[in-house]
Amino acid sequence: MIGGGEKGPATMKTPGDFLKSIRGRPIVVKLNSGVDYRGILACLDGYMNIAMEQTKKIHQWAFEK
């Protein structure tokens, strides 16, 4: 049945497609060490390595009391 908000195979996106669609937008990268990096997604490669611009490093413990 077609309709009802179902998406067909032609509209499926991969994680790489999603990341390409948000290139140039603000993102937050959270590491297991508790450090966040906030900045603009500049580029990425096929291995999901990313480069960011205007990046700020934020320690998780800086906000905990």
Protein backbone atom coordinates (compact mmCIF):
# COMPACT_ATOMS: atom_id res chain seq x y z
CA MET A 1 0.00 0.00 0.00
CA ILE A 2 1.35 3.40 -0.98
CA GLY A 3 0.70 6.46 1.18
CA GLY A 4 0.14 6.82 4.87
CA GLY A 5 3.54 8.42 5.36
CA GLU A 6 5.51 5.32 4.43
CA LYS A 7 8.91 5.91 2.88
CA GLY A 8 10.06 3.88 -0.06
CA PRO A 9 13.59 2.73 -0.84
CA ALA A 10 14.24 5.83 -2.95
CA THR A 11 13.99 8.07 0.14
CA MET A 12 16.25 6.01 2.43
CA LYS A 13 19.31 7.90 3.65
CA THR A 14 22.58 6.59 4.99
CA PRO A 15 24.39 8.15 7.96
CA GLY A 16 26.85 9.65 5.47
CA ASP A 17 23.99 11.29 3.56
CA PHE A 18 22.71 12.78 6.79
CA LEU A 19 26.14 14.17 7.73
CA LYS A 20 26.56 15.66 4.26
CA SER A 21 23.18 17.38 4.63
CA ILE A 22 24.26 19.11 7.87
CA ARG A 23 27.66 20.28 6.58
CA GLY A 24 28.11 23.96 7.47
CA ARG A 25 25.74 23.75 10.44
CA PRO A 26 26.50 23.83 14.19
CA ILE A 27 27.13 20.41 15.78
CA VAL A 28 28.17 18.96 19.15
CA VAL A 29 30.63 16.05 19.33
CA LYS A 30 30.60 14.25 22.69
CA LEU A 31 33.56 12.07 23.64
CA ASN A 32 33.52 9.23 26.17
CA SER A 33 36.02 11.21 28.26
CA GLY A 34 33.32 13.76 29.07
CA VAL A 35 34.60 16.46 26.73
CA ASP A 36 32.24 18.15 24.26
CA TYR A 37 33.37 19.94 21.11
CA ARG A 38 30.96 22.48 19.69
CA GLY A 39 31.49 24.02 16.29
CA ILE A 40 30.58 24.09 12.62
CA LEU A 41 30.84 20.85 10.62
CA ALA A 42 33.34 21.67 7.85
CA CYS A 43 33.84 18.29 6.14
CA LEU A 44 33.88 14.54 6.57
CA ASP A 45 35.25 11.48 4.79
CA GLY A 46 34.09 7.94 4.11
CA TYR A 47 35.48 6.77 7.46
CA MET A 48 33.30 9.31 9.36
CA ASN A 49 36.32 11.44 10.29
CA ILE A 50 35.15 15.02 10.64
CA ALA A 51 36.69 18.48 10.60
CA MET A 52 35.11 21.37 12.48
CA GLU A 53 35.53 25.13 12.34
CA GLN A 54 35.01 27.72 15.09
CA THR A 55 35.37 24.93 17.64
CA LYS A 56 35.09 25.29 21.42
CA LYS A 57 36.13 22.59 23.85
CA ILE A 58 33.81 22.19 26.82
CA HIS A 59 34.60 19.91 29.78
CA GLN A 60 31.59 18.11 31.23
CA TRP A 61 32.90 18.57 34.77
CA ALA A 62 32.88 22.35 34.31
CA PHE A 63 29.08 22.31 34.59
CA GLU A 64 28.73 19.76 37.40
CA LYS A 65 28.51 20.89 41.03
